[in-house]
């Protein structure tokens, strides 16, 4: 076939067949195909290396541990922001059970009960990864501050002074806060 997708001259009525290239066998197969009105096109088959080696697949988004996550509501723009050191799938399942049981201590459950809304479980995803608990809690707080949430526990006002300093830095790198110790003293700090 040429670049303009028209068949080469004299091959309009012939069918093209794609066969794997096999050393010393391909030529014989090609002659047999031509005798029967077929045009052979040979391709290299997978090598043993391609069959055996599999590059590391992406970890399923719900298997991630040590994450800050977001669960949206289907009916409004509010979201729930949380953090967990366990696989995200486990934590989402706990939230789903809490909604079914109408647990008054769970923000997703309270939101569905009071507002009559439905939680968008399929829209749940992780926002950030952080293996260290204290940093994960700080990052969770930063995400809560930047979103319209229905979380039950408000952020304590004493954190506002910290957020005033860090938000200038974090607003551009909310997904890649490396170490908060770099922020004290911060070049963005008015002190």
C-alpha atoms as a PDB file:
ATOM      1  CA  UNK A   1       0.000   0.000   0.000  1.00  0.00           C
ATOM      2  CA  UNK A   2       1.201   3.488  -0.776  1.00  0.00           C
ATOM      3  CA  UNK A   3       0.893   6.545   1.423  1.00  0.00           C
ATOM      4  CA  UNK A   4      -2.388   7.625  -0.184  1.00  0.00           C
ATOM      5  CA  UNK A   5      -3.994   4.253   0.720  1.00  0.00           C
ATOM      6  CA  UNK A   6      -4.376   3.064  -2.879  1.00  0.00           C
ATOM      7  CA  UNK A   7      -3.246  -0.486  -3.624  1.00  0.00           C
ATOM      8  CA  UNK A   8      -0.133  -0.953  -5.777  1.00  0.00           C
ATOM      9  CA  UNK A   9      -0.794  -1.641  -9.489  1.00  0.00           C
ATOM     10  CA  UNK A  10      -1.887  -5.230 -10.237  1.00  0.00           C
ATOM     11  CA  UNK A  11      -2.928  -5.964  -6.630  1.00  0.00           C
ATOM     12  CA  UNK A  12      -6.453  -4.527  -6.604  1.00  0.00           C
ATOM     13  CA  UNK A  13      -8.199  -7.920  -6.519  1.00  0.00           C
ATOM     14  CA  UNK A  14      -5.640  -9.646  -4.304  1.00  0.00           C
ATOM     15  CA  UNK A  15      -5.965  -9.897  -0.542  1.00  0.00           C
ATOM     16  CA  UNK A  16      -3.207  -8.963   1.835  1.00  0.00           C
ATOM     17  CA  UNK A  17      -2.284 -11.383   4.612  1.00  0.00           C
ATOM     18  CA  UNK A  18      -0.113 -10.503   7.609  1.00  0.00           C
ATOM     19  CA  UNK A  19       2.170 -13.293   8.809  1.00  0.00           C
ATOM     20  CA  UNK A  20       4.889 -13.462  11.443  1.00  0.00           C
ATOM     21  CA  UNK A  21       8.448 -13.486  10.156  1.00  0.00           C
ATOM     22  CA  UNK A  22      10.097 -16.832  10.791  1.00  0.00           C
ATOM     23  CA  UNK A  23      13.655 -17.341   9.635  1.00  0.00           C
ATOM     24  CA  UNK A  24      13.967 -19.771   6.657  1.00  0.00           C
ATOM     25  CA  UNK A  25      10.197 -20.362   6.561  1.00  0.00           C
ATOM     26  CA  UNK A  26       9.010 -16.945   5.481  1.00  0.00           C
ATOM     27  CA  UNK A  27      10.257 -17.213   1.892  1.00  0.00           C
ATOM     28  CA  UNK A  28       8.438 -20.520   1.327  1.00  0.00           C
ATOM     29  CA  UNK A  29       5.233 -19.180   2.861  1.00  0.00           C
ATOM     30  CA  UNK A  30       5.465 -16.082   0.675  1.00  0.00           C
ATOM     31  CA  UNK A  31       5.659 -18.148  -2.534  1.00  0.00           C
ATOM     32  CA  UNK A  32       2.668 -20.285  -1.493  1.00  0.00           C
ATOM     33  CA  UNK A  33       0.614 -17.172  -0.671  1.00  0.00           C
ATOM     34  CA  UNK A  34       1.405 -15.591  -4.061  1.00  0.00           C
ATOM     35  CA  UNK A  35       0.297 -18.767  -5.883  1.00  0.00           C
ATOM     36  CA  UNK A  36      -3.099 -18.482  -4.156  1.00  0.00           C
ATOM     37  CA  UNK A  37      -3.606 -14.806  -4.961  1.00  0.00           C
ATOM     38  CA  UNK A  38      -2.570 -13.489  -1.537  1.00  0.00           C
ATOM     39  CA  UNK A  39      -0.032 -10.766  -0.908  1.00  0.00           C
ATOM     40  CA  UNK A  40       2.077 -11.700   2.135  1.00  0.00           C
ATOM     41  CA  UNK A  41       3.179  -8.966   4.522  1.00  0.00           C
ATOM     42  CA  UNK A  42       5.627 -10.199   7.112  1.00  0.00           C
ATOM     43  CA  UNK A  43       5.993  -8.727  10.569  1.00  0.00           C
ATOM     44  CA  UNK A  44       8.340  -9.509  13.370  1.00  0.00           C
ATOM     45  CA  UNK A  45       6.616 -11.368  16.143  1.00  0.00           C
ATOM     46  CA  UNK A  46       7.156 -10.632  19.813  1.00  0.00           C
ATOM     47  CA  UNK A  47      10.576 -11.540  21.059  1.00  0.00           C
ATOM     48  CA  UNK A  48      11.020 -13.731  24.098  1.00  0.00           C
ATOM     49  CA  UNK A  49      12.099 -10.643  26.012  1.00  0.00           C
ATOM     50  CA  UNK A  50       8.858  -8.824  25.105  1.00  0.00           C
ATOM     51  CA  UNK A  51       6.785 -11.837  26.153  1.00  0.00           C
ATOM     52  CA  UNK A  52       8.552 -12.380  29.488  1.00  0.00           C
ATOM     53  CA  UNK A  53       9.390  -8.883  30.713  1.00  0.00           C
ATOM     54  CA  UNK A  54       6.574  -6.603  31.760  1.00  0.00           C
ATOM     55  CA  UNK A  55       7.409  -3.075  32.794  1.00  0.00           C
ATOM     56  CA  UNK A  56       5.975  -2.055  36.121  1.00  0.00           C
ATOM     57  CA  UNK A  57       2.307  -1.295  35.599  1.00  0.00           C
ATOM     58  CA  UNK A  58       0.726   1.784  37.139  1.00  0.00           C
ATOM     59  CA  UNK A  59      -0.513   1.039  40.612  1.00  0.00           C
ATOM     60  CA  UNK A  60      -4.292   1.172  40.692  1.00  0.00           C
ATOM     61  CA  UNK A  61      -5.323   4.556  42.050  1.00  0.00           C
ATOM     62  CA  UNK A  62      -7.148   3.033  45.026  1.00  0.00           C
ATOM     63  CA  UNK A  63      -4.197   0.891  46.167  1.00  0.00           C
ATOM     64  CA  UNK A  64      -2.026   3.876  47.035  1.00  0.00           C
ATOM     65  CA  UNK A  65      -1.088   4.234  50.700  1.00  0.00           C
ATOM     66  CA  UNK A  66      -0.225   7.425  52.576  1.00  0.00           C
ATOM     67  CA  UNK A  67      -2.458   9.712  50.552  1.00  0.00           C
ATOM     68  CA  UNK A  68      -4.594  12.801  50.839  1.00  0.00           C
ATOM     69  CA  UNK A  69      -7.796  12.107  48.946  1.00  0.00           C
ATOM     70  CA  UNK A  70     -10.892  13.892  47.646  1.00  0.00           C
ATOM     71  CA  UNK A  71     -14.468  12.553  47.461  1.00  0.00           C
ATOM     72  CA  UNK A  72     -16.865  14.792  45.503  1.00  0.00           C
ATOM     73  CA  UNK A  73     -20.620  15.142  45.877  1.00  0.00           C
ATOM     74  CA  UNK A  74     -22.701  14.404  42.756  1.00  0.00           C
ATOM     75  CA  UNK A  75     -25.254  17.095  43.527  1.00  0.00           C
ATOM     76  CA  UNK A  76     -23.174  20.089  44.621  1.00  0.00           C
ATOM     77  CA  UNK A  77     -19.668  21.493  44.321  1.00  0.00           C
ATOM     78  CA  UNK A  78     -18.625  20.503  47.837  1.00  0.00           C
ATOM     79  CA  UNK A  79     -16.091  17.747  48.450  1.00  0.00           C
ATOM     80  CA  UNK A  80     -14.714  15.721  51.325  1.00  0.00           C
ATOM     81  CA  UNK A  81     -10.948  15.870  51.854  1.00  0.00           C
ATOM     82  CA  UNK A  82      -9.296  13.190  53.957  1.00  0.00           C
ATOM     83  CA  UNK A  83      -6.025  11.401  54.547  1.00  0.00           C
ATOM     84  CA  UNK A  84      -5.092   7.799  55.188  1.00  0.00           C
ATOM     85  CA  UNK A  85      -1.959   5.738  55.698  1.00  0.00           C
ATOM     86  CA  UNK A  86      -3.799   2.646  54.474  1.00  0.00           C
ATOM     87  CA  UNK A  87      -4.850   1.790  50.913  1.00  0.00           C
ATOM     88  CA  UNK A  88      -7.342   4.334  49.634  1.00  0.00           C
ATOM     89  CA  UNK A  89      -9.771   1.563  48.649  1.00  0.00           C
ATOM     90  CA  UNK A  90     -10.052   0.492  52.305  1.00  0.00           C
ATOM     91  CA  UNK A  91     -10.822   4.027  53.450  1.00  0.00           C
ATOM     92  CA  UNK A  92     -13.398   4.620  50.702  1.00  0.00           C
ATOM     93  CA  UNK A  93     -15.125   1.349  51.635  1.00  0.00           C
ATOM     94  CA  UNK A  94     -15.285   2.554  55.249  1.00  0.00           C
ATOM     95  CA  UNK A  95     -16.888   5.815  54.105  1.00  0.00           C
ATOM     96  CA  UNK A  96     -19.434   3.886  52.015  1.00  0.00           C
ATOM     97  CA  UNK A  97     -20.335   1.669  54.997  1.00  0.00           C
ATOM     98  CA  UNK A  98     -20.699   4.765  57.199  1.00  0.00           C
ATOM     99  CA  UNK A  99     -23.135   6.293  54.703  1.00  0.00           C
ATOM    100  CA  UNK A 100     -25.181   3.058  54.629  1.00  0.00           C
ATOM    101  CA  UNK A 101     -25.265   2.937  58.439  1.00  0.00           C
ATOM    102  CA  UNK A 102     -26.037   6.687  58.643  1.00  0.00           C
ATOM    103  CA  UNK A 103     -23.062   7.254  60.920  1.00  0.00           C
ATOM    104  CA  UNK A 104     -23.336  10.751  62.452  1.00  0.00           C
ATOM    105  CA  UNK A 105     -19.552  10.905  62.929  1.00  0.00           C
ATOM    106  CA  UNK A 106     -18.817  10.578  59.211  1.00  0.00           C
ATOM    107  CA  UNK A 107     -18.908  13.707  57.035  1.00  0.00           C
ATOM    108  CA  UNK A 108     -20.071  11.852  53.919  1.00  0.00           C
ATOM    109  CA  UNK A 109     -22.942  10.292  55.871  1.00  0.00           C
ATOM    110  CA  UNK A 110     -23.956  13.602  57.449  1.00  0.00           C
ATOM    111  CA  UNK A 111     -23.825  15.348  54.059  1.00  0.00           C
ATOM    112  CA  UNK A 112     -26.111  12.744  52.454  1.00  0.00           C
ATOM    113  CA  UNK A 113     -28.532  12.842  55.389  1.00  0.00           C
ATOM    114  CA  UNK A 114     -28.804  16.607  55.833  1.00  0.00           C
ATOM    115  CA  UNK A 115     -28.570  17.677  52.191  1.00  0.00           C
ATOM    116  CA  UNK A 116     -30.190  14.619  50.606  1.00  0.00           C
ATOM    117  CA  UNK A 117     -27.268  14.461  48.164  1.00  0.00           C
ATOM    118  CA  UNK A 118     -25.455  11.487  46.647  1.00  0.00           C
ATOM    119  CA  UNK A 119     -21.715  10.955  46.982  1.00  0.00           C
ATOM    120  CA  UNK A 120     -19.742  10.472  43.757  1.00  0.00           C
ATOM    121  CA  UNK A 121     -17.695   7.437  44.825  1.00  0.00           C
ATOM    122  CA  UNK A 122     -16.304   6.891  41.319  1.00  0.00           C
ATOM    123  CA  UNK A 123     -14.976  10.452  41.336  1.00  0.00           C
ATOM    124  CA  UNK A 124     -12.880   9.786  44.450  1.00  0.00           C
ATOM    125  CA  UNK A 125      -9.158  10.094  43.869  1.00  0.00           C
ATOM    126  CA  UNK A 126      -5.932  10.904  45.652  1.00  0.00           C
ATOM    127  CA  UNK A 127      -4.657  14.464  45.560  1.00  0.00           C
ATOM    128  CA  UNK A 128      -1.239  13.972  47.053  1.00  0.00           C
ATOM    129  CA  UNK A 129       1.019  11.292  48.508  1.00  0.00           C
ATOM    130  CA  UNK A 130       2.851  11.643  51.785  1.00  0.00           C
ATOM    131  CA  UNK A 131       4.196   8.717  53.821  1.00  0.00           C
ATOM    132  CA  UNK A 132       4.877  10.800  56.958  1.00  0.00           C
ATOM    133  CA  UNK A 133       1.759  11.269  59.106  1.00  0.00           C
ATOM    134  CA  UNK A 134       2.474  14.812  60.376  1.00  0.00           C
ATOM    135  CA  UNK A 135       3.244  16.135  56.907  1.00  0.00           C
ATOM    136  CA  UNK A 136       0.213  14.290  55.550  1.00  0.00           C
ATOM    137  CA  UNK A 137      -2.003  16.025  58.133  1.00  0.00           C
ATOM    138  CA  UNK A 138      -0.575  19.428  57.170  1.00  0.00           C
ATOM    139  CA  UNK A 139      -1.084  18.752  53.471  1.00  0.00           C
ATOM    140  CA  UNK A 140      -4.630  17.574  54.179  1.00  0.00           C
ATOM    141  CA  UNK A 141      -5.292  20.852  56.010  1.00  0.00           C
ATOM    142  CA  UNK A 142      -3.916  22.854  53.091  1.00  0.00           C
ATOM    143  CA  UNK A 143      -6.201  21.030  50.670  1.00  0.00           C
ATOM    144  CA  UNK A 144      -9.200  21.543  52.970  1.00  0.00           C
ATOM    145  CA  UNK A 145      -8.395  25.271  53.129  1.00  0.00           C
ATOM    146  CA  UNK A 146      -8.350  25.538  49.338  1.00  0.00           C
ATOM    147  CA  UNK A 147     -11.573  23.612  48.619  1.00  0.00           C
ATOM    148  CA  UNK A 148     -15.227  24.028  49.492  1.00  0.00           C
ATOM    149  CA  UNK A 149     -15.649  21.033  51.778  1.00  0.00           C
ATOM    150  CA  UNK A 150     -18.295  19.394  53.924  1.00  0.00           C
ATOM    151  CA  UNK A 151     -15.715  18.003  56.365  1.00  0.00           C
ATOM    152  CA  UNK A 152     -17.041  17.854  59.932  1.00  0.00           C
ATOM    153  CA  UNK A 153     -13.898  19.012  61.715  1.00  0.00           C
ATOM    154  CA  UNK A 154     -13.044  22.598  60.827  1.00  0.00           C
ATOM    155  CA  UNK A 155      -9.416  23.633  60.726  1.00  0.00           C
ATOM    156  CA  UNK A 156      -8.438  25.310  63.979  1.00  0.00           C
ATOM    157  CA  UNK A 157      -7.926  29.092  63.554  1.00  0.00           C
ATOM    158  CA  UNK A 158      -4.406  28.890  65.007  1.00  0.00           C
ATOM    159  CA  UNK A 159      -3.350  27.221  61.749  1.00  0.00           C
ATOM    160  CA  UNK A 160      -4.312  30.351  59.802  1.00  0.00           C
ATOM    161  CA  UNK A 161      -1.020  32.074  60.597  1.00  0.00           C
ATOM    162  CA  UNK A 162       0.865  29.063  59.225  1.00  0.00           C
ATOM    163  CA  UNK A 163      -1.344  28.964  56.131  1.00  0.00           C
ATOM    164  CA  UNK A 164      -0.806  32.663  55.583  1.00  0.00           C
ATOM    165  CA  UNK A 165       2.902  31.974  55.210  1.00  0.00           C
ATOM    166  CA  UNK A 166       2.681  28.655  53.387  1.00  0.00           C
ATOM    167  CA  UNK A 167      -0.185  29.304  50.975  1.00  0.00           C
ATOM    168  CA  UNK A 168       1.939  31.674  48.911  1.00  0.00           C
ATOM    169  CA  UNK A 169       4.419  28.837  48.475  1.00  0.00           C
ATOM    170  CA  UNK A 170       1.922  25.992  48.264  1.00  0.00           C
ATOM    171  CA  UNK A 171      -0.497  27.528  45.835  1.00  0.00           C
ATOM    172  CA  UNK A 172       1.963  26.756  43.046  1.00  0.00           C
ATOM    173  CA  UNK A 173       3.175  23.418  44.351  1.00  0.00           C
ATOM    174  CA  UNK A 174       0.273  21.892  46.292  1.00  0.00           C
ATOM    175  CA  UNK A 175       1.042  18.475  44.777  1.00  0.00           C
ATOM    176  CA  UNK A 176       4.742  18.570  45.482  1.00  0.00           C
ATOM    177  CA  UNK A 177       5.396  19.977  48.950  1.00  0.00           C
ATOM    178  CA  UNK A 178       8.748  18.417  49.704  1.00  0.00           C
ATOM    179  CA  UNK A 179       9.485  19.429  53.260  1.00  0.00           C
ATOM    180  CA  UNK A 180       7.804  22.003  55.445  1.00  0.00           C
ATOM    181  CA  UNK A 181      11.029  22.598  57.346  1.00  0.00           C
ATOM    182  CA  UNK A 182      12.171  24.454  54.224  1.00  0.00           C
ATOM    183  CA  UNK A 183       9.446  26.997  54.883  1.00  0.00           C
ATOM    184  CA  UNK A 184      10.781  28.076  58.272  1.00  0.00           C
ATOM    185  CA  UNK A 185      12.162  30.660  57.751  1.00  0.00           C
ATOM    186  CA  UNK A 186      10.556  31.131  54.374  1.00  0.00           C
ATOM    187  CA  UNK A 187      11.632  33.610  51.722  1.00  0.00           C
ATOM    188  CA  UNK A 188       7.918  34.438  51.434  1.00  0.00           C
ATOM    189  CA  UNK A 189       7.595  35.123  55.140  1.00  0.00           C
ATOM    190  CA  UNK A 190       6.828  38.706  56.139  1.00  0.00           C
ATOM    191  CA  UNK A 191       8.809  38.198  59.396  1.00  0.00           C
END
